[in-house]
Amino acid sequence: MNASFDPVAFSIGSLTVRWYGLMYVIGFLLAWIWGRRRAQRYGWTARDVDDLVTICMLGLVLGARAGYILFYDLPVYIADPGEMLRFWNGGMSFHGGAIGLAIAFAWFAKSRKKRFLDIADFITPLVPQGLFFGRMGNFINGELWGKVTTLPWGMIFPHAGPYPRHPSQLYEGFLEGIVLCILLWLYTRTPRRRGQTAGLFCVGYGISRFLVEFVRLPDAQLGYLAFNWLTMGQILSLPMVFLGLYLMLRPAEMQEFHAES
């Protein structure tokens, strides 16, 4: 099966819209719509959601870009600083984006006199949809492919040689996007202690990413980093799992909101 797609969605005059960027827009739009629907159970106004989603969008994009530069390919960006602004070429790190989100949560919590974990519990169920569309953007871009496979759904990527490979972008889109979204939706139907929803997200994402990395080809410029089999993605995912377990298991007060309906 050939996985070759035109990365350009459409063009209007000199303006070129690429699927990669369009996927991010769709993800943020869905998060904003669902966030407005969830606002009432937190006692928030629509304006609170608008402001929070905007600052989270900024924190996520800047953090994801900075994370990729620092964790994955710093020498390239030092050699060509202009590449930092070429978002359409890809190069976003979820773990960097998570740090950017945490900074956005802290800023919003301080400015609105809200609790950091309440904001994290509010936002994290909105993230998997964005992760799904982000992975679809990776798939269309023909990047982050998997190892060579003989499985019937193996795909030939245009820049990855002639052999079928695991479509690891689709695996991640399914686990991090669809499965994690369903788990969080079911989990929040029952009132939970403060921080548990964010904890489940961290555990769910960390485990999903860790598992898929076994069939995903490591970044060529890094290779395997520990024990000759751990990748950067796995190393960065382990702290998320431990943090999530802590948030889920620690004793804490109940949040003051109604369960999802």
Protein backbone atom coordinates (compact mmCIF):
# COMPACT_ATOMS: atom_id res chain seq x y z
CA MET A 1 0.00 0.00 0.00
CA ASN A 2 1.43 3.35 -1.03
CA ALA A 3 1.15 6.24 1.46
CA SER A 4 1.90 9.18 -0.81
CA PHE A 5 -0.15 12.34 -0.37
CA ASP A 6 0.10 15.92 -1.50
CA PRO A 7 0.97 17.89 1.67
CA VAL A 8 -0.79 20.97 0.21
CA ALA A 9 -4.53 21.05 1.00
CA PHE A 10 -5.31 23.98 -1.30
CA SER A 11 -3.91 27.25 -2.59
CA ILE A 12 -5.52 30.67 -2.97
CA GLY A 13 -3.30 32.84 -5.09
CA SER A 14 0.08 32.97 -3.36
CA LEU A 15 -1.38 31.55 -0.14
CA THR A 16 -0.68 27.84 0.32
CA VAL A 17 -2.55 25.92 3.03
CA ARG A 18 -0.92 22.66 4.04
CA TRP A 19 -2.67 19.69 5.60
CA TYR A 20 -0.25 19.71 8.54
CA GLY A 21 -1.29 23.18 9.65
CA LEU A 22 -4.93 22.54 8.81
CA MET A 23 -4.97 19.53 11.13
CA TYR A 24 -3.84 21.74 14.01
CA VAL A 25 -6.59 24.25 13.25
CA ILE A 26 -9.23 21.50 13.28
CA GLY A 27 -7.90 20.14 16.57
CA PHE A 28 -8.01 23.53 18.28
CA LEU A 29 -11.47 24.26 16.89
CA LEU A 30 -12.87 21.00 18.28
CA ALA A 31 -11.23 21.69 21.66
CA TRP A 32 -12.82 25.13 21.77
CA ILE A 33 -16.30 23.81 20.89
CA TRP A 34 -16.17 21.00 23.45
CA GLY A 35 -14.62 23.30 26.03
CA ARG A 36 -17.57 25.67 25.76
CA ARG A 37 -19.94 22.74 26.28
CA ARG A 38 -18.06 21.70 29.44
CA ALA A 39 -17.75 25.19 30.91
CA GLN A 40 -20.95 25.17 32.94
CA ARG A 41 -20.01 22.16 35.04
CA TYR A 42 -16.92 24.05 36.18
CA GLY A 43 -18.82 27.26 36.84
CA TRP A 44 -16.90 29.01 34.07
CA THR A 45 -18.12 31.50 31.53
CA ALA A 46 -17.75 31.16 27.77
CA ARG A 47 -15.23 34.02 27.93
CA ASP A 48 -13.10 31.98 30.36
CA VAL A 49 -13.01 29.12 27.86
CA ASP A 50 -12.20 31.43 24.96
CA ASP A 51 -9.28 32.96 26.85
CA LEU A 52 -8.03 29.62 28.16
CA VAL A 53 -8.11 27.89 24.78
CA THR A 54 -6.30 30.86 23.20
CA ILE A 55 -3.48 30.88 25.75
CA CYS A 56 -3.26 27.08 25.60
CA MET A 57 -3.00 27.22 21.82
CA LEU A 58 -0.11 29.66 22.11
CA GLY A 59 1.61 27.65 24.83
CA LEU A 60 1.16 24.36 22.98
CA VAL A 61 2.49 25.56 19.63
CA LEU A 62 5.48 27.45 21.06
CA GLY A 63 6.25 24.67 23.54
CA ALA A 64 5.97 21.95 20.90
CA ARG A 65 8.32 23.81 18.59
CA ALA A 66 10.81 24.64 21.32
CA GLY A 67 10.65 21.06 22.61
CA TYR A 68 11.45 19.61 19.20
CA ILE A 69 14.35 22.00 18.75
CA LEU A 70 15.85 21.26 22.18
CA PHE A 71 15.08 17.53 22.47
CA TYR A 72 15.46 16.34 18.89
CA ASP A 73 17.43 18.48 16.46
CA LEU A 74 19.22 21.43 18.09
CA PRO A 75 22.31 21.47 15.78
CA VAL A 76 20.14 21.92 12.66
CA TYR A 77 18.36 24.95 14.11
CA ILE A 78 21.61 26.47 15.34
CA ALA A 79 23.00 26.15 11.82
CA ASP A 80 19.84 27.64 10.26
CA PRO A 81 17.83 29.70 12.80
CA GLY A 82 15.28 30.55 10.11
CA GLU A 83 14.13 26.92 10.17
CA MET A 84 12.56 27.64 13.57
CA LEU A 85 9.82 29.59 11.78
CA ARG A 86 9.16 27.01 9.04
CA PHE A 87 6.39 25.18 10.89
CA TRP A 88 5.08 23.67 7.66
CA ASN A 89 8.17 21.45 7.48
CA GLY A 90 7.04 19.67 10.64
CA GLY A 91 9.10 19.42 13.77
CA MET A 92 6.78 19.54 16.80
CA SER A 93 7.29 17.68 20.07
CA PHE A 94 4.29 16.68 22.15
CA HIS A 95 6.35 16.64 25.34
CA GLY A 96 7.51 20.19 24.65
CA GLY A 97 3.89 21.09 23.97
CA ALA A 98 2.91 19.60 27.33
CA ILE A 99 5.42 21.87 29.07
CA GLY A 100 4.02 24.81 27.13
CA LEU A 101 0.52 23.85 28.25
CA ALA A 102 1.62 23.65 31.88
CA ILE A 103 3.02 27.19 31.63
CA ALA A 104 -0.26 28.34 30.09
CA PHE A 105 -2.21 26.65 32.91
CA ALA A 106 -0.05 28.41 35.52
CA TRP A 107 -0.55 31.80 33.89
CA PHE A 108 -4.30 31.34 33.60
CA ALA A 109 -4.59 30.05 37.17
CA LYS A 110 -2.76 33.07 38.54
CA SER A 111 -4.62 35.61 36.40
CA ARG A 112 -8.09 34.16 37.12
CA LYS A 113 -7.46 32.96 40.68
CA LYS A 114 -8.23 29.36 39.79
CA ARG A 115 -6.51 26.13 40.74
CA PHE A 116 -3.85 24.74 38.44
CA LEU A 117 -5.20 21.17 38.64
CA ASP A 118 -8.76 22.30 37.94
CA ILE A 119 -7.52 23.84 34.71
CA ALA A 120 -5.53 20.70 33.87
CA ASP A 121 -8.60 18.53 34.52
CA PHE A 122 -10.67 20.79 32.31
CA ILE A 123 -8.26 20.89 29.37
CA THR A 124 -6.79 17.37 29.21
CA PRO A 125 -10.00 15.67 27.95
CA LEU A 126 -9.93 18.15 25.04
CA VAL A 127 -6.40 17.21 23.97
CA PRO A 128 -6.85 13.73 22.39
CA GLN A 129 -8.87 15.11 19.46
CA GLY A 130 -5.99 17.44 18.66
CA LEU A 131 -3.51 14.58 18.98
CA PHE A 132 -5.55 12.54 16.51
CA PHE A 133 -5.56 15.25 13.88
CA GLY A 134 -1.92 16.06 14.54
CA ARG A 135 -0.98 12.44 13.80
CA MET A 136 -3.05 12.58 10.64
CA GLY A 137 -0.96 15.58 9.65
CA ASN A 138 2.21 13.53 10.26
CA PHE A 139 0.76 10.74 8.12
CA ILE A 140 -0.10 13.04 5.22
CA ASN A 141 3.34 14.64 5.48
CA GLY A 142 4.88 11.17 5.17
CA GLU A 143 6.96 11.60 8.34
CA LEU A 144 7.53 9.67 11.59
CA TRP A 145 7.02 6.34 9.85
CA GLY A 146 7.57 2.95 11.48
CA LYS A 147 9.96 0.07 10.99
CA VAL A 148 9.83 -2.31 8.04
CA THR A 149 7.02 -4.87 8.37
CA THR A 150 5.50 -7.79 6.50
CA LEU A 151 2.04 -7.18 7.97
CA PRO A 152 -0.70 -6.71 5.35
CA TRP A 153 -1.34 -3.09 6.36
CA GLY A 154 2.28 -2.05 5.93
CA MET A 155 2.67 1.11 3.86
CA ILE A 156 5.37 2.42 1.55
CA PHE A 157 6.25 6.01 2.41
CA PRO A 158 7.77 8.15 -0.37
CA HIS A 159 10.95 9.10 1.53
CA ALA A 160 11.42 5.87 3.51
CA GLY A 161 12.65 3.46 0.85
CA PRO A 162 10.88 0.72 -1.13
CA TYR A 163 9.76 -1.53 1.73
CA PRO A 164 6.39 -1.48 3.56
CA ARG A 165 6.55 0.02 7.04
CA HIS A 166 4.35 0.26 10.10
CA PRO A 167 2.04 3.30 9.76
CA SER A 168 3.02 4.33 13.27
CA GLN A 169 1.31 7.70 12.84
CA LEU A 170 -2.02 5.87 12.51
CA TYR A 171 -1.25 3.70 15.54
CA GLU A 172 -0.59 6.82 17.61
CA GLY A 173 -3.65 8.58 16.23
CA PHE A 174 -5.78 5.61 17.27
CA LEU A 175 -4.32 5.14 20.76
CA GLU A 176 -3.54 8.74 21.75
CA GLY A 177 -6.54 10.18 19.96
CA ILE A 178 -9.52 7.85 19.74
CA VAL A 179 -8.88 5.40 22.61
CA LEU A 180 -7.68 8.04 25.08
CA CYS A 181 -10.59 10.34 24.18
CA ILE A 182 -13.10 7.57 24.92
CA LEU A 183 -11.37 6.63 28.18
CA LEU A 184 -11.37 10.22 29.43
CA TRP A 185 -15.00 10.74 28.41
CA LEU A 186 -16.11 7.61 30.28
CA TYR A 187 -13.89 8.42 33.26
CA THR A 188 -15.29 11.92 33.73
CA ARG A 189 -18.89 10.72 33.73
CA THR A 190 -18.33 10.07 37.45
CA PRO A 191 -17.05 12.86 39.74
CA ARG A 192 -13.32 12.47 40.37
CA ARG A 193 -10.83 13.85 42.83
CA ARG A 194 -8.90 16.92 41.80
CA GLY A 195 -6.04 15.97 39.45
CA GLN A 196 -7.25 12.47 38.60
CA THR A 197 -8.50 13.35 35.11
CA ALA A 198 -5.19 14.99 34.23
CA GLY A 199 -3.45 11.98 35.77
CA LEU A 200 -5.34 9.54 33.56
CA PHE A 201 -4.39 11.58 30.52
CA CYS A 202 -0.70 11.49 31.46
CA VAL A 203 -0.77 7.74 32.08
CA GLY A 204 -2.78 7.02 28.93
CA TYR A 205 -0.63 9.14 26.66
CA GLY A 206 2.65 7.99 28.19
CA ILE A 207 1.83 4.29 27.84
CA SER A 208 0.44 4.69 24.31
CA ARG A 209 3.49 6.59 23.12
CA PHE A 210 5.89 4.21 24.87
CA LEU A 211 4.34 1.17 23.18
CA VAL A 212 4.14 2.63 19.67
CA GLU A 213 7.79 3.69 19.84
CA PHE A 214 8.74 0.01 19.68
CA VAL A 215 7.56 -0.11 16.04
CA ARG A 216 8.29 3.51 15.16
CA LEU A 217 11.67 4.23 13.62
CA PRO A 218 13.68 6.49 15.96
CA ASP A 219 14.71 9.90 14.71
CA ALA A 220 17.72 9.40 12.45
CA GLN A 221 19.75 12.15 14.11
CA LEU A 222 19.28 10.57 17.56
CA GLY A 223 18.80 6.82 17.12
CA TYR A 224 18.39 4.77 20.27
CA LEU A 225 19.54 6.54 23.41
CA ALA A 226 19.56 4.00 26.24
CA PHE A 227 20.12 0.24 26.43
CA ASN A 228 20.20 0.28 22.62
CA TRP A 229 16.39 0.26 22.43
CA LEU A 230 14.94 3.26 24.28
CA THR A 231 14.06 6.26 22.12
CA MET A 232 13.79 9.91 23.09
CA GLY A 233 10.00 9.62 22.91
CA GLN A 234 10.03 6.74 25.40
CA ILE A 235 12.41 8.48 27.77
CA LEU A 236 10.24 11.62 27.78
CA SER A 237 7.06 9.57 28.23
CA LEU A 238 8.18 7.74 31.39
CA PRO A 239 7.99 10.85 33.65
CA MET A 240 4.46 11.45 32.33
CA VAL A 241 3.38 7.98 33.43
CA PHE A 242 4.85 8.42 36.92
CA LEU A 243 3.33 11.90 37.27
CA GLY A 244 -0.05 10.58 36.13
CA LEU A 245 0.03 7.70 38.62
CA TYR A 246 0.86 10.14 41.40
CA LEU A 247 -2.05 12.42 40.48
CA MET A 248 -4.47 9.50 40.27
CA LEU A 249 -3.44 7.80 43.53
CA ARG A 250 -2.73 10.72 45.84
CA PRO A 251 -5.41 11.68 48.37
CA ALA A 252 -7.14 14.90 47.36
CA GLU A 253 -10.42 16.72 47.75
CA MET A 254 -13.23 16.29 45.28
CA GLN A 255 -13.70 18.89 42.58
CA GLU A 256 -16.86 20.94 42.68
CA PHE A 257 -18.62 20.11 39.42
CA HIS A 258 -21.16 17.77 37.98
CA ALA A 259 -20.16 14.63 36.11
CA GLU A 260 -20.29 14.57 32.32
CA SER A 261 -23.75 13.90 30.94
